[in-house]
Protein backbone atom coordinates (compact mmCIF):
# COMPACT_ATOMS: atom_id res chain seq x y z
CA UNK A 1 10.08 -5.45 -12.76
CA UNK A 2 9.43 -2.56 -10.99
CA UNK A 3 9.70 1.17 -12.45
CA UNK A 4 9.37 4.90 -11.31
CA UNK A 5 6.31 6.94 -11.81
CA UNK A 6 6.83 10.53 -12.57
CA UNK A 7 7.14 11.86 -9.26
CA UNK A 8 10.00 9.41 -8.54
CA UNK A 9 7.10 6.94 -6.42
CA UNK A 10 7.77 3.15 -6.63
CA UNK A 11 5.34 1.27 -8.92
CA UNK A 12 3.45 -1.47 -7.21
CA UNK A 13 0.88 -4.10 -8.31
CA UNK A 14 -1.66 -2.52 -10.30
CA UNK A 15 -4.43 -1.45 -7.89
CA UNK A 16 -6.99 -2.35 -10.88
CA UNK A 17 -6.37 -6.17 -10.31
CA UNK A 18 -7.94 -5.83 -6.51
CA UNK A 19 -11.68 -7.47 -5.78
CA UNK A 20 -12.73 -4.25 -4.15
CA UNK A 21 -11.77 -1.71 -7.01
CA UNK A 22 -13.46 -3.96 -9.87
CA UNK A 23 -16.12 -4.34 -7.34
CA UNK A 24 -16.92 -0.64 -6.75
CA UNK A 25 -15.18 1.02 -9.46
CA UNK A 26 -15.72 -1.03 -12.76
CA UNK A 27 -18.00 -3.84 -11.78
CA UNK A 28 -18.97 -6.29 -14.73
CA UNK A 29 -16.40 -5.26 -17.23
CA UNK A 30 -15.34 -7.62 -20.01
CA UNK A 31 -12.35 -9.51 -19.74
CA UNK A 32 -11.19 -7.81 -22.58
CA UNK A 33 -12.26 -3.94 -20.91
CA UNK A 34 -10.27 -5.26 -17.92
CA UNK A 35 -6.76 -5.54 -19.66
CA UNK A 36 -7.11 -2.60 -21.41
CA UNK A 37 -7.82 -0.62 -18.62
CA UNK A 38 -4.89 -2.45 -16.82
CA UNK A 39 -2.59 -1.19 -19.53
CA UNK A 40 -3.22 2.11 -19.49
CA UNK A 41 -2.55 2.55 -16.11
CA UNK A 42 0.19 2.59 -13.32
CA UNK A 43 0.22 2.00 -9.85
CA UNK A 44 2.50 3.77 -7.05
CA UNK A 45 2.83 4.16 -3.08
CA UNK A 46 1.74 7.32 -1.98
CA UNK A 47 2.57 8.46 1.55
CA UNK A 48 0.37 10.39 3.99
CA UNK A 49 0.03 13.78 3.13
CA UNK A 50 0.57 13.45 -0.50
CA UNK A 51 -0.63 15.53 -3.12
CA UNK A 52 -2.73 13.55 -6.11
CA UNK A 53 -3.26 16.83 -7.83
CA UNK A 54 -4.00 20.69 -6.60
CA UNK A 55 -7.06 22.82 -7.54
CA UNK A 56 -6.51 24.84 -11.05
CA UNK A 57 -4.07 22.47 -12.15
CA UNK A 58 -4.67 21.00 -15.75
CA UNK A 59 -6.14 17.80 -15.75
CA UNK A 60 -3.99 15.16 -16.39
CA UNK A 61 -5.64 11.91 -15.59
CA UNK A 62 -7.80 10.33 -12.78
CA UNK A 63 -6.21 8.29 -9.70
CA UNK A 64 -7.84 4.84 -8.26
CA UNK A 65 -7.59 4.48 -4.93
CA UNK A 66 -6.40 1.49 -2.81
CA UNK A 67 -7.63 1.11 0.73
CA UNK A 68 -6.97 4.47 1.76
CA UNK A 69 -8.81 7.95 1.60
CA UNK A 70 -8.10 11.10 -0.04
CA UNK A 71 -9.38 14.80 1.30
CA UNK A 72 -10.81 16.55 -1.63
CA UNK A 73 -10.94 20.70 -0.57
CA UNK A 74 -11.11 23.83 -2.18
CA UNK A 75 -9.74 27.44 -1.10
CA UNK A 76 -10.40 31.02 -1.04
CA UNK A 77 -7.83 33.73 -2.51
CA UNK A 78 -7.68 34.94 1.14
CA UNK A 79 -6.48 31.08 2.15
CA UNK A 80 -9.41 29.89 4.04
CA UNK A 81 -9.72 26.34 2.79
CA UNK A 82 -12.75 23.59 2.68
CA UNK A 83 -12.87 20.06 2.67
CA UNK A 84 -15.83 19.27 -0.09
CA UNK A 85 -15.71 15.84 0.91
CA UNK A 86 -13.59 12.74 1.57
CA UNK A 87 -13.13 10.07 -0.92
CA UNK A 88 -13.27 6.41 0.18
CA UNK A 89 -10.97 3.46 -0.79
CA UNK A 90 -12.25 2.11 -4.31
CA UNK A 91 -13.34 5.29 -5.43
CA UNK A 92 -12.04 7.22 -8.90
CA UNK A 93 -10.88 10.81 -8.05
CA UNK A 94 -10.36 13.30 -10.85
CA UNK A 95 -12.96 12.21 -12.88
CA UNK A 96 -15.22 15.19 -13.28
CA UNK A 97 -12.34 17.31 -14.35
CA UNK A 98 -10.63 14.56 -16.56
CA UNK A 99 -13.72 14.09 -18.36
CA UNK A 100 -14.70 17.76 -19.05
CA UNK A 101 -10.89 19.21 -19.42
CA UNK A 102 -11.56 21.52 -17.05
CA UNK A 103 -8.83 22.41 -14.79
CA UNK A 104 -9.01 20.27 -11.19
CA UNK A 105 -12.01 21.97 -9.50
CA UNK A 106 -10.05 20.70 -5.84
CA UNK A 107 -6.96 19.49 -4.28
CA UNK A 108 -6.91 15.90 -3.72
CA UNK A 109 -4.38 14.93 -0.57
CA UNK A 110 -4.18 11.37 0.52
CA UNK A 111 -5.10 10.86 4.51
CA UNK A 112 -2.78 7.85 4.93
CA UNK A 113 -0.50 5.88 3.17
CA UNK A 114 -2.02 4.34 -0.07
CA UNK A 115 -1.44 2.97 -3.47
CA UNK A 116 -3.21 4.24 -6.33
CA UNK A 117 -3.33 3.41 -9.76
CA UNK A 118 -2.82 6.57 -11.86
CA UNK A 119 -4.89 6.30 -15.86
CA UNK A 120 -3.78 9.00 -18.27
CA UNK A 121 -6.40 11.46 -19.20
CA UNK A 122 -6.38 11.00 -23.20
CA UNK A 123 -5.41 7.23 -22.80
CA UNK A 124 -8.77 7.08 -20.31
CA UNK A 125 -11.04 8.60 -22.78
CA UNK A 126 -10.12 6.71 -25.73
CA UNK A 127 -10.47 3.23 -23.50
CA UNK A 128 -14.46 5.12 -22.66
CA UNK A 129 -14.92 5.53 -26.30
CA UNK A 130 -13.83 1.82 -26.85
CA UNK A 131 -15.79 0.19 -24.04
CA UNK A 132 -19.30 1.46 -23.79
CA UNK A 133 -20.23 -0.54 -20.60
CA UNK A 134 -17.04 1.49 -18.61
CA UNK A 135 -18.67 4.91 -19.98
CA UNK A 136 -21.79 3.86 -18.47
CA UNK A 137 -19.99 2.67 -15.63
CA UNK A 138 -18.66 6.85 -15.26
CA UNK A 139 -21.55 8.35 -15.86
CA UNK A 140 -23.11 6.37 -12.81
CA UNK A 141 -20.21 7.57 -10.68
CA UNK A 142 -20.63 11.07 -12.04
CA UNK A 143 -24.09 10.77 -11.33
CA UNK A 144 -22.89 9.81 -7.41
CA UNK A 145 -20.56 12.53 -7.07
CA UNK A 146 -23.59 15.17 -8.28
CA UNK A 147 -25.79 13.75 -5.87
CA UNK A 148 -23.19 13.87 -3.33
CA UNK A 149 -22.06 17.64 -3.71
CA UNK A 150 -25.43 18.17 -3.67
CA UNK A 151 -26.07 16.62 -0.32
CA UNK A 152 -23.00 18.41 1.00
CA UNK A 153 -24.19 22.16 -0.15
CA UNK A 154 -27.43 21.60 0.93
CA UNK A 155 -26.91 20.97 4.60
CA UNK A 156 -23.98 23.21 4.87
CA UNK A 157 -25.77 25.79 3.29
CA UNK A 158 -29.34 24.98 4.64
CA UNK A 159 -28.28 24.45 8.38
CA UNK A 160 -28.40 27.06 10.75
CA UNK A 161 -26.10 26.04 13.61
CA UNK A 162 -23.02 23.92 14.09
CA UNK A 163 -24.10 21.92 16.28
CA UNK A 164 -26.71 20.46 13.14
CA UNK A 165 -23.85 20.38 11.18
CA UNK A 166 -21.79 18.16 13.34
CA UNK A 167 -24.34 15.68 13.71
CA UNK A 168 -25.03 15.32 10.40
CA UNK A 169 -21.20 14.55 9.70
CA UNK A 170 -21.00 12.00 12.33
CA UNK A 171 -24.61 10.39 11.26
CA UNK A 172 -22.70 10.35 7.63
CA UNK A 173 -19.53 9.01 9.23
CA UNK A 174 -20.96 6.05 11.03
CA UNK A 175 -23.41 5.15 7.69
CA UNK A 176 -20.43 5.16 5.46
CA UNK A 177 -18.78 2.78 8.63
CA UNK A 178 -22.10 0.97 8.15
CA UNK A 179 -22.33 0.85 4.23
CA UNK A 180 -18.15 -0.50 4.95
CA UNK A 181 -18.89 -3.27 6.63
CA UNK A 182 -22.51 -4.44 4.27
CA UNK A 183 -24.51 -4.77 7.44
CA UNK A 184 -24.89 -2.48 10.65
CA UNK A 185 -24.13 -3.53 14.04
CA UNK A 186 -26.25 -5.66 16.19
CA UNK A 187 -27.73 -2.28 18.25
CA UNK A 188 -28.15 0.11 15.45
CA UNK A 189 -28.65 2.81 17.98
CA UNK A 190 -24.27 2.34 18.04
CA UNK A 191 -21.48 1.90 15.42
CA UNK A 192 -18.11 2.53 15.97
CA UNK A 193 -16.75 4.77 13.02
CA UNK A 194 -12.90 5.80 12.64
CA UNK A 195 -12.32 9.51 12.66
CA UNK A 196 -9.00 10.23 11.02
CA UNK A 197 -9.87 13.96 10.98
CA UNK A 198 -8.59 16.80 13.13
CA UNK A 199 -10.69 18.96 14.55
CA UNK A 200 -9.34 21.35 12.49
CA UNK A 201 -10.44 19.53 9.30
CA UNK A 202 -13.86 18.63 10.47
CA UNK A 203 -14.30 22.47 10.76
CA UNK A 204 -13.00 22.90 7.29
CA UNK A 205 -15.51 19.88 6.52
CA UNK A 206 -18.59 21.60 8.17
CA UNK A 207 -17.65 25.50 7.83
CA UNK A 208 -16.77 25.68 11.16
CA UNK A 209 -13.80 26.68 13.49
CA UNK A 210 -11.83 23.92 15.41
CA UNK A 211 -12.63 25.71 18.57
CA UNK A 212 -16.43 25.49 17.79
CA UNK A 213 -15.95 21.44 16.71
CA UNK A 214 -14.04 21.02 20.30
CA UNK A 215 -16.91 22.60 21.82
CA UNK A 216 -19.75 20.75 20.47
CA UNK A 217 -18.43 17.53 20.18
CA UNK A 218 -17.29 17.47 24.52
CA UNK A 219 -21.57 18.70 24.30
CA UNK A 220 -22.37 15.59 22.28
CA UNK A 221 -20.08 13.48 24.59
CA UNK A 222 -21.73 15.07 27.74
CA UNK A 223 -25.46 14.06 26.36
CA UNK A 224 -24.17 10.24 25.83
CA UNK A 225 -24.82 11.00 21.99
CA UNK A 226 -21.57 9.94 20.77
CA UNK A 227 -17.85 8.39 22.72
CA UNK A 228 -14.65 8.62 21.72
CA UNK A 229 -11.48 6.61 22.28
CA UNK A 230 -8.45 7.86 20.64
CA UNK A 231 -9.26 7.96 17.05
CA UNK A 232 -12.24 5.71 17.70
CA UNK A 233 -15.80 7.34 17.54
CA UNK A 234 -19.22 5.66 18.81
CA UNK A 235 -22.64 6.81 17.90
CA UNK A 236 -24.29 6.17 21.26
CA UNK A 237 -27.37 7.96 20.61
CA UNK A 238 -28.56 7.71 17.15
CA UNK A 239 -31.95 9.26 17.72
CA UNK A 240 -30.63 11.72 19.49
CA UNK A 241 -28.33 13.04 16.79
CA UNK A 242 -30.77 12.70 14.19
CA UNK A 243 -33.02 15.17 16.23
CA UNK A 244 -30.33 17.74 16.57
CA UNK A 245 -29.47 17.64 12.59
CA UNK A 246 -32.96 17.86 11.34
CA UNK A 247 -33.61 20.68 13.84
């Protein structure tokens, strides 16, 4: 029987039963662990632009994403916003705060309409105490988050020009597309990815202005480093982008 979530959204099939999420989030768990996890989770549909949680809000639990992505951003008192990372389909968002008990450090905004499973914090912590293999998996996920954040800070802080930052962003986007497809294209120099962020959002992602992103991206097109067709972006000269990214 269908039920409503605390946000009044229509509950749907539990996302944790899907093969994609079992592979990426809680792979190789015992049957009992999977059943216990499904027991404490509830799923709902979230429209584009929905906010899963806000920066500074007390941690309520974690969200396991469906086949969509979520923008994680932080803001300054002056209102300036910085996109820290984009969570991919199948990821768990809100995990560091759920484990530490500290308020959410970011705001999570849904980029496309999606289904997500919510697991309350206390129930999730008790689940981890009961199932050691799941706790180990969560430790691995936290390690991945740490290294991803480290890389973001590294190239944002140590990269001197907007061209370097945008080149690195595009290369990361192409790498994520390859990883999602589980195999590179026939020509390693060209790979197509979907660019779901606006120029304004890319600017927030790399710490630049929207005008700068538009100008540099146009320069990349003129140099035939990339091609864009609507929301589709192709890296046509990976070596050229890598040279700029590592200048």
